[in-house]
Amino acid sequence: MCTTTPGDGSERDPVVSIGRRDAIRTVAAGVTSALLAPSALMAAATPAVIRTSESIVKVLYDSLSETQRQTVCFDWDHMDKANGLLRTHISNNWTITKPHVKSEFYTADQQQMIREIFEGMVNPDWVERFDKQFKDDMGGFGKKQSIAIFGHPGAGKFEFVLTGRHGTMRCDGDSSEHVAFGGPILYGHAASGYFEKYQHPNNVFWPQAQAANKLYQMLDGKQQKQALIDLSPDESEIAFRKPDAIEGIPVAELSSDQKQHVQGVLRMLIEPYRQSDRDEVVAALKAQGGLDACRLAYYEDEDLGDDKVWDNWRLEGPAFVWHYRGAPHVHVWVNVSDDPHVDLNAKNRSGPLHPKKS
C-alpha cells in the first residue's frame, strides 16, 4: 500500500431507540435510490440493487487504476507519521490525499461517482446548503477536496473518506463498530470571510447555534450561571471524558419544556446527514443514557458582537461530543459512540480540557 503523506493544510423523539445502521439499511438506501450513475460501469455493477454510497464506493474502487490505488487507497489500519491512524484523523482544513476530486487524476465517470457518494451521505434537503459551503470555502465541490479509501470494498472492512476545508465525511458500511458516522467528523463554514460578522449572515450551520441559544434564554438565572463557562476549550479536544469531568448544566435537571427544546437542538444537529447516520447517532446516544446523560455548556469568551449570543457551545455526554465553535467562523467537531471505551479520537486528552489562553 502507498504511504503517500496527506496534503497540508422525522419529527421523532431523538432518544427513541432505532437500532444500528444494518437494521435500517433499506430505509436509508432510499436516500440514494434515485442517484443513477451515468457510466456503463455502474449500470453493469448494480443492475437491480438500490444504490447506496457504500455500493458506489465499491464500483469506484474497482474502476481505479493501479497508479490511482497506490495514491488514494490504504490498508485499514494505515499509520501516518504526522497524523497517526490516518483513517480516523480529522482537521478543520486538510486533504487526506493530494489529488483533488476535480482534477485530471480522476476520469469524468469517477468524479461523478465521488459526487454521488457525497450526495448519498447527506440529507437530500441539505445538498444545496453543502454546495454553498463548498463554493464559499473552496470554490465548489471537488476543487479543493480529496478522497481516500481504506480497506477493500466488497471484500472486508472499508471506509471512504472525503476531506477539504471545513469538512471530513465518511461512509463505511458499518465496518467501524460502535461509532457513528464511521468515526469523528467535522463540518463548518466561513460564509463571509475568515472573520464573520456577529450573527453569521448566510452561514448554513448558524441556525444550529441560534436554536441552542434560544434554549439558553429559556434558562433561569441560576441555570444560566451553571451553563455558562468562562473559557472555551480547545475545539479539537473531542475525546470522551468521564462524566465528572464534563462541565455545563445537566440536561437531566432541565424542565420538561427545556428538555423538549434540547431534543429539537439535537434534531437540527443531525439533520444534515443521511437517515441511517442520524438513526445511528440516536441509537448510540440512547445506549449511554440519552440526552439525560449529557451536559450543555456555553462559553463566554469569543462572543462576536458582545451580544451574549454565545458563538461557542458544546453538548457532551459519556460517549457523545458535539463541539460548536462559532468564532471567528463556524467549526463543528463531532465524536459519537455507543461505548465510551471505543474512542477513535483517543489521541486527544481524556481528562479536563485545556482552557484557551487569553
Protein backbone atom coordinates (compact mmCIF):
# COMPACT_ATOMS: atom_id res chain seq x y z
CA MET A 1 0.00 0.00 0.00
CA CYS A 2 1.14 3.52 -0.73
CA THR A 3 2.35 5.69 2.14
CA THR A 4 1.57 8.98 0.47
CA THR A 5 1.59 11.83 3.01
CA PRO A 6 -1.72 13.72 3.23
CA GLY A 7 -1.85 17.24 1.79
CA ASP A 8 -1.40 20.15 4.13
CA GLY A 9 -3.36 22.05 5.28
CA SER A 10 -38.69 12.98 11.27
CA GLU A 11 -40.10 14.86 13.86
CA ARG A 12 -39.38 11.90 16.04
CA ASP A 13 -38.07 11.90 19.60
CA PRO A 14 -34.30 11.55 19.12
CA VAL A 15 -33.85 9.35 22.20
CA VAL A 16 -36.14 6.61 20.94
CA SER A 17 -34.11 3.51 20.13
CA ILE A 18 -33.92 2.87 16.40
CA GLY A 19 -31.05 0.42 16.10
CA ARG A 20 -27.85 0.11 14.17
CA ARG A 21 -27.39 1.07 10.53
CA ASP A 22 -27.65 -2.53 9.40
CA ALA A 23 -31.20 -2.62 10.78
CA ILE A 24 -32.32 0.34 8.71
CA ARG A 25 -30.18 -0.03 5.62
CA THR A 26 -33.19 -0.47 3.35
CA VAL A 27 -34.79 2.73 4.59
CA ALA A 28 -31.52 4.69 4.42
CA ALA A 29 -30.84 3.44 0.93
CA GLY A 30 -33.90 5.29 -0.28
CA VAL A 31 -31.92 8.50 0.07
CA THR A 32 -29.73 7.44 -2.82
CA SER A 33 -32.06 5.21 -4.81
CA ALA A 34 -32.55 7.92 -7.41
CA LEU A 35 -28.87 8.54 -7.93
CA LEU A 36 -28.34 6.78 -11.22
CA ALA A 37 -24.72 6.66 -12.34
CA PRO A 38 -24.02 7.81 -15.89
CA SER A 39 -21.41 5.21 -16.60
CA ALA A 40 -21.93 1.79 -18.10
CA LEU A 41 -19.67 0.52 -15.34
CA MET A 42 -22.17 1.50 -12.66
CA ALA A 43 -25.14 0.12 -14.54
CA ALA A 44 -23.43 -3.20 -15.03
CA ALA A 45 -22.26 -3.40 -11.42
CA THR A 46 -25.62 -2.83 -9.73
CA PRO A 47 -28.37 -3.69 -12.22
CA ALA A 48 -31.18 -4.36 -9.72
CA VAL A 49 -29.75 -3.15 -6.42
CA ILE A 50 -30.64 0.06 -4.59
CA ARG A 51 -27.59 2.27 -4.91
CA THR A 52 -26.08 3.48 -1.66
CA SER A 53 -22.92 5.46 -1.09
CA GLU A 54 -21.25 2.23 0.00
CA SER A 55 -22.23 0.36 -3.17
CA ILE A 56 -20.89 3.21 -5.31
CA VAL A 57 -17.62 3.16 -3.34
CA LYS A 58 -17.20 -0.47 -4.43
CA VAL A 59 -17.72 0.48 -8.10
CA LEU A 60 -15.34 3.42 -7.75
CA TYR A 61 -12.70 1.23 -6.14
CA ASP A 62 -12.98 -1.36 -8.91
CA SER A 63 -12.56 1.38 -11.52
CA LEU A 64 -9.29 2.72 -10.12
CA SER A 65 -6.08 2.03 -11.98
CA GLU A 66 -3.09 0.63 -10.14
CA THR A 67 -1.49 4.10 -10.11
CA GLN A 68 -4.65 5.60 -8.64
CA ARG A 69 -4.86 2.88 -5.97
CA GLN A 70 -1.25 3.46 -4.95
CA THR A 71 -2.10 7.12 -4.36
CA VAL A 72 -5.51 7.10 -2.66
CA CYS A 73 -6.01 3.57 -1.27
CA PHE A 74 -4.61 2.39 2.07
CA ASP A 75 -4.70 -0.56 4.42
CA TRP A 76 -7.47 -0.40 7.02
CA ASP A 77 -5.06 0.48 9.86
CA HIS A 78 -2.61 2.58 7.86
CA MET A 79 -0.48 4.76 10.17
CA ASP A 80 0.69 8.17 9.02
CA LYS A 81 3.81 9.75 10.52
CA ALA A 82 2.15 13.12 11.03
CA ASN A 83 -1.42 12.12 11.92
CA GLY A 84 -1.31 8.65 13.43
CA LEU A 85 -4.15 6.36 12.36
CA LEU A 86 -4.97 8.11 9.10
CA ARG A 87 -8.46 6.68 8.72
CA THR A 88 -9.71 8.40 11.90
CA HIS A 89 -7.86 11.70 11.64
CA ILE A 90 -9.79 14.95 11.30
CA SER A 91 -8.79 18.56 10.85
CA ASN A 92 -10.61 21.77 10.05
CA ASN A 93 -8.64 22.29 6.82
CA TRP A 94 -6.86 19.41 5.13
CA THR A 95 -6.85 16.99 2.24
CA ILE A 96 -6.30 13.36 3.11
CA THR A 97 -4.52 12.72 -0.20
CA LYS A 98 -3.03 15.11 -2.74
CA PRO A 99 -5.18 14.69 -5.89
CA HIS A 100 -8.25 16.92 -5.88
CA VAL A 101 -11.52 15.36 -6.97
CA LYS A 102 -11.88 17.84 -9.82
CA SER A 103 -8.56 17.09 -11.47
CA GLU A 104 -7.21 15.03 -14.34
CA PHE A 105 -6.23 12.36 -11.82
CA TYR A 106 -9.82 11.06 -11.95
CA THR A 107 -11.88 10.27 -15.03
CA ALA A 108 -15.16 12.10 -15.58
CA ASP A 109 -17.09 8.96 -14.54
CA GLN A 110 -15.02 8.63 -11.37
CA GLN A 111 -15.63 12.29 -10.49
CA GLN A 112 -19.36 11.72 -10.96
CA MET A 113 -19.28 8.65 -8.72
CA ILE A 114 -17.49 10.62 -5.99
CA ARG A 115 -20.18 13.27 -6.23
CA GLU A 116 -22.90 10.63 -5.93
CA ILE A 117 -21.17 9.09 -2.93
CA PHE A 118 -21.24 12.50 -1.25
CA GLU A 119 -24.89 13.10 -2.10
CA GLY A 120 -25.81 9.72 -0.64
CA MET A 121 -24.07 10.59 2.65
CA VAL A 122 -26.23 13.64 3.37
CA ASN A 123 -29.87 14.57 3.75
CA PRO A 124 -31.21 15.40 0.26
CA ASP A 125 -32.65 18.62 1.67
CA TRP A 126 -29.12 19.68 2.59
CA VAL A 127 -27.29 19.11 -0.69
CA GLU A 128 -27.81 22.71 -1.80
CA ARG A 129 -26.59 24.06 1.53
CA PHE A 130 -23.48 21.89 1.46
CA ASP A 131 -22.85 23.13 -2.08
CA LYS A 132 -22.99 26.71 -0.80
CA GLN A 133 -20.40 25.84 1.85
CA PHE A 134 -18.20 24.17 -0.78
CA LYS A 135 -18.45 27.23 -3.04
CA ASP A 136 -17.75 29.75 -0.28
CA ASP A 137 -14.87 27.81 1.27
CA MET A 138 -13.27 26.02 -1.69
CA GLY A 139 -14.70 27.41 -4.92
CA GLY A 140 -17.08 24.48 -5.41
CA PHE A 141 -17.39 20.75 -4.87
CA GLY A 142 -14.24 18.79 -5.55
CA LYS A 143 -11.98 21.73 -6.38
CA LYS A 144 -10.02 21.55 -3.13
CA GLN A 145 -11.32 18.25 -1.77
CA SER A 146 -9.72 14.83 -1.84
CA ILE A 147 -10.66 11.26 -1.02
CA ALA A 148 -9.11 8.12 0.39
CA ILE A 149 -10.35 4.53 0.54
CA PHE A 150 -9.25 2.30 3.39
CA GLY A 151 -9.51 -1.49 3.31
CA HIS A 152 -11.12 -3.42 0.46
CA PRO A 153 -14.70 -2.54 -0.57
CA GLY A 154 -16.63 -5.72 -1.27
CA ALA A 155 -14.04 -7.96 0.36
CA GLY A 156 -13.92 -6.90 4.01
CA LYS A 157 -13.80 -3.74 6.07
CA PHE A 158 -13.62 -0.49 4.17
CA GLU A 159 -14.13 3.22 4.61
CA PHE A 160 -14.39 6.11 2.16
CA VAL A 161 -13.23 9.49 3.47
CA LEU A 162 -13.92 12.86 1.82
CA THR A 163 -11.91 15.82 3.12
CA GLY A 164 -11.43 19.51 2.43
CA ARG A 165 -11.73 22.85 4.16
CA HIS A 166 -14.41 22.62 6.84
CA GLY A 167 -15.37 19.06 6.09
CA THR A 168 -14.39 15.48 6.93
CA MET A 169 -17.09 12.95 5.98
CA ARG A 170 -17.10 9.14 5.96
CA CYS A 171 -19.07 6.14 4.80
CA ASP A 172 -18.03 2.68 5.89
CA GLY A 173 -20.83 0.14 5.51
CA ASP A 174 -20.75 -0.48 9.27
CA SER A 175 -17.08 -1.51 9.13
CA SER A 176 -16.27 0.68 12.15
CA GLU A 177 -18.16 -0.92 15.02
CA HIS A 178 -19.73 1.09 17.85
CA VAL A 179 -19.16 4.53 16.29
CA ALA A 180 -21.50 6.80 14.36
CA PHE A 181 -20.51 8.31 11.00
CA GLY A 182 -17.68 5.77 10.70
CA GLY A 183 -15.62 7.85 13.13
CA PRO A 184 -15.13 11.51 14.13
CA ILE A 185 -16.32 14.08 11.59
CA LEU A 186 -16.12 17.84 11.15
CA TYR A 187 -18.24 20.40 9.37
CA GLY A 188 -18.06 24.19 9.17
CA HIS A 189 -18.48 27.29 7.05
CA ALA A 190 -16.90 30.72 6.60
CA ALA A 191 -19.74 32.36 4.72
CA SER A 192 -18.41 35.93 4.64
CA GLY A 193 -14.67 35.66 5.15
CA TYR A 194 -12.42 34.35 7.89
CA PHE A 195 -13.78 36.84 10.44
CA GLU A 196 -17.54 36.54 10.20
CA LYS A 197 -19.81 39.27 11.46
CA TYR A 198 -21.83 38.57 14.56
CA GLN A 199 -25.00 36.58 13.84
CA HIS A 200 -23.09 34.91 10.98
CA PRO A 201 -25.13 36.07 7.96
CA ASN A 202 -25.62 33.39 5.28
CA ASN A 203 -23.81 30.70 7.29
CA VAL A 204 -25.66 27.48 6.58
CA PHE A 205 -24.89 26.00 10.01
CA TRP A 206 -25.59 29.06 12.18
CA PRO A 207 -29.29 28.14 12.76
CA GLN A 208 -27.99 25.28 14.93
CA ALA A 209 -26.37 27.81 17.25
CA GLN A 210 -29.45 30.01 17.20
CA ALA A 211 -31.53 27.08 18.42
CA ALA A 212 -29.01 26.32 21.18
CA ASN A 213 -29.02 29.97 22.25
CA LYS A 214 -32.79 30.05 22.36
CA LEU A 215 -32.51 27.32 24.97
CA TYR A 216 -30.06 29.45 26.95
CA GLN A 217 -32.70 32.19 27.05
CA MET A 218 -35.18 29.66 28.43
CA LEU A 219 -32.93 29.01 31.44
CA ASP A 220 -33.48 30.91 34.68
CA GLY A 221 -30.68 32.90 36.28
CA LYS A 222 -29.35 30.01 38.37
CA GLN A 223 -29.40 27.67 35.40
CA GLN A 224 -27.62 30.18 33.17
CA LYS A 225 -24.87 30.58 35.74
CA GLN A 226 -24.39 26.81 35.80
CA ALA A 227 -24.38 26.55 32.00
CA LEU A 228 -22.06 29.47 31.24
CA ILE A 229 -18.32 28.73 31.34
CA ASP A 230 -15.62 31.43 31.24
CA LEU A 231 -13.21 30.00 28.67
CA SER A 232 -13.73 27.85 25.60
CA PRO A 233 -11.77 24.59 25.41
CA ASP A 234 -9.53 23.75 22.51
CA GLU A 235 -12.01 22.98 19.75
CA SER A 236 -10.25 19.78 18.67
CA GLU A 237 -10.45 18.20 22.14
CA ILE A 238 -13.28 15.77 21.45
CA ALA A 239 -12.03 12.63 23.14
CA PHE A 240 -14.56 11.07 25.51
CA ARG A 241 -14.27 12.13 29.16
CA LYS A 242 -15.55 10.76 32.42
CA PRO A 243 -18.92 12.24 33.41
CA ASP A 244 -17.48 14.12 36.39
CA ALA A 245 -15.07 15.95 34.06
CA ILE A 246 -17.83 17.35 31.82
CA GLU A 247 -18.85 20.94 32.54
CA GLY A 248 -22.15 22.72 31.98
CA ILE A 249 -25.72 22.17 33.06
CA PRO A 250 -27.05 18.59 33.18
CA VAL A 251 -29.86 18.03 30.72
CA ALA A 252 -31.47 15.77 33.32
CA GLU A 253 -32.04 18.78 35.56
CA LEU A 254 -33.92 20.81 32.94
CA SER A 255 -37.68 21.30 32.96
CA SER A 256 -39.86 19.35 30.55
CA ASP A 257 -40.17 22.23 28.07
CA GLN A 258 -36.42 22.85 28.23
CA LYS A 259 -35.73 19.16 27.59
CA GLN A 260 -38.10 19.25 24.64
CA HIS A 261 -36.09 22.12 23.20
CA VAL A 262 -32.84 20.17 23.63
CA GLN A 263 -34.48 17.39 21.62
CA GLY A 264 -35.08 19.94 18.87
CA VAL A 265 -31.47 21.11 19.01
CA LEU A 266 -30.31 17.51 18.60
CA ARG A 267 -32.60 17.07 15.60
CA MET A 268 -31.04 20.14 14.00
CA LEU A 269 -27.50 18.90 14.68
CA ILE A 270 -28.03 15.58 12.94
CA GLU A 271 -30.39 16.84 10.23
CA PRO A 272 -27.71 17.47 7.54
CA TYR A 273 -26.81 13.79 7.32
CA ARG A 274 -28.48 10.72 5.79
CA GLN A 275 -31.18 8.93 7.73
CA SER A 276 -29.05 5.90 8.57
CA ASP A 277 -26.39 8.06 10.20
CA ARG A 278 -28.99 10.08 12.07
CA ASP A 279 -30.53 6.88 13.38
CA GLU A 280 -27.16 5.56 14.44
CA VAL A 281 -26.39 8.72 16.41
CA VAL A 282 -29.72 8.35 18.21
CA ALA A 283 -29.11 4.68 19.00
CA ALA A 284 -25.56 5.36 20.23
CA LEU A 285 -26.77 8.19 22.45
CA LYS A 286 -29.58 6.07 23.89
CA ALA A 287 -27.08 3.32 24.75
CA GLN A 288 -25.29 5.82 27.00
CA GLY A 289 -28.39 7.12 28.77
CA GLY A 290 -29.78 9.51 26.16
CA LEU A 291 -29.72 13.27 26.43
CA ASP A 292 -30.30 13.00 30.19
CA ALA A 293 -26.70 11.75 30.47
CA CYS A 294 -25.40 14.86 28.68
CA ARG A 295 -24.47 18.37 29.76
CA LEU A 296 -24.78 21.57 27.79
CA ALA A 297 -22.14 24.29 28.13
CA TYR A 298 -21.95 27.79 26.68
CA TYR A 299 -18.66 29.71 26.58
CA GLU A 300 -18.50 33.38 27.48
CA ASP A 301 -15.25 34.25 25.70
CA GLU A 302 -15.08 34.98 21.98
CA ASP A 303 -18.60 36.42 21.91
CA LEU A 304 -18.80 38.05 18.48
CA GLY A 305 -20.51 41.42 18.72
CA ASP A 306 -20.69 41.16 22.54
CA ASP A 307 -24.36 40.33 22.04
CA LYS A 308 -24.50 37.47 24.55
CA VAL A 309 -25.49 35.10 21.78
CA TRP A 310 -22.87 32.51 22.57
CA ASP A 311 -20.90 31.58 19.48
CA ASN A 312 -19.13 28.67 21.19
CA TRP A 313 -21.06 25.90 22.92
CA ARG A 314 -20.91 22.16 23.48
CA LEU A 315 -23.30 19.25 24.03
CA GLU A 316 -21.45 16.39 25.69
CA GLY A 317 -22.10 13.01 27.28
CA PRO A 318 -20.08 9.90 28.21
CA ALA A 319 -19.60 8.88 24.56
CA PHE A 320 -21.04 11.89 22.76
CA VAL A 321 -19.28 15.15 21.87
CA TRP A 322 -20.77 17.84 19.63
CA HIS A 323 -18.49 20.87 19.92
CA TYR A 324 -19.66 24.03 18.15
CA ARG A 325 -17.07 26.78 17.68
CA GLY A 326 -18.59 29.86 16.08
CA ALA A 327 -15.77 32.39 16.41
CA PRO A 328 -14.24 33.66 14.18
CA HIS A 329 -16.31 31.39 11.89
CA VAL A 330 -18.04 28.05 12.27
CA HIS A 331 -16.20 24.79 13.00
CA VAL A 332 -18.15 21.85 14.43
CA TRP A 333 -16.33 18.77 15.75
CA VAL A 334 -18.29 15.55 16.30
CA ASN A 335 -17.44 12.28 18.04
CA VAL A 336 -20.20 9.76 18.83
CA SER A 337 -20.12 6.14 20.01
CA ASP A 338 -22.33 3.68 21.87
CA ASP A 339 -19.38 2.79 24.12
CA PRO A 340 -17.08 5.33 25.85
CA HIS A 341 -14.22 2.84 25.67
CA VAL A 342 -14.38 2.80 21.85
CA ASP A 343 -12.92 6.21 21.05
CA LEU A 344 -11.38 6.70 17.62
CA ASN A 345 -10.27 10.17 18.67
CA ALA A 346 -8.45 8.90 21.76
CA LYS A 347 -5.23 10.63 20.78
CA ASN A 348 -6.80 13.70 22.36
CA ARG A 349 -6.85 14.16 26.10
CA SER A 350 -9.45 12.26 28.10
CA GLY A 351 -9.10 14.43 31.20
CA PRO A 352 -10.16 18.04 31.82
CA LEU A 353 -9.99 20.15 28.68
CA HIS A 354 -7.21 22.68 28.16
CA PRO A 355 -8.63 26.17 28.53
CA LYS A 356 -7.77 28.57 25.73
CA LYS A 357 -5.13 31.13 26.61
CA SER A 358 -6.34 34.71 26.62
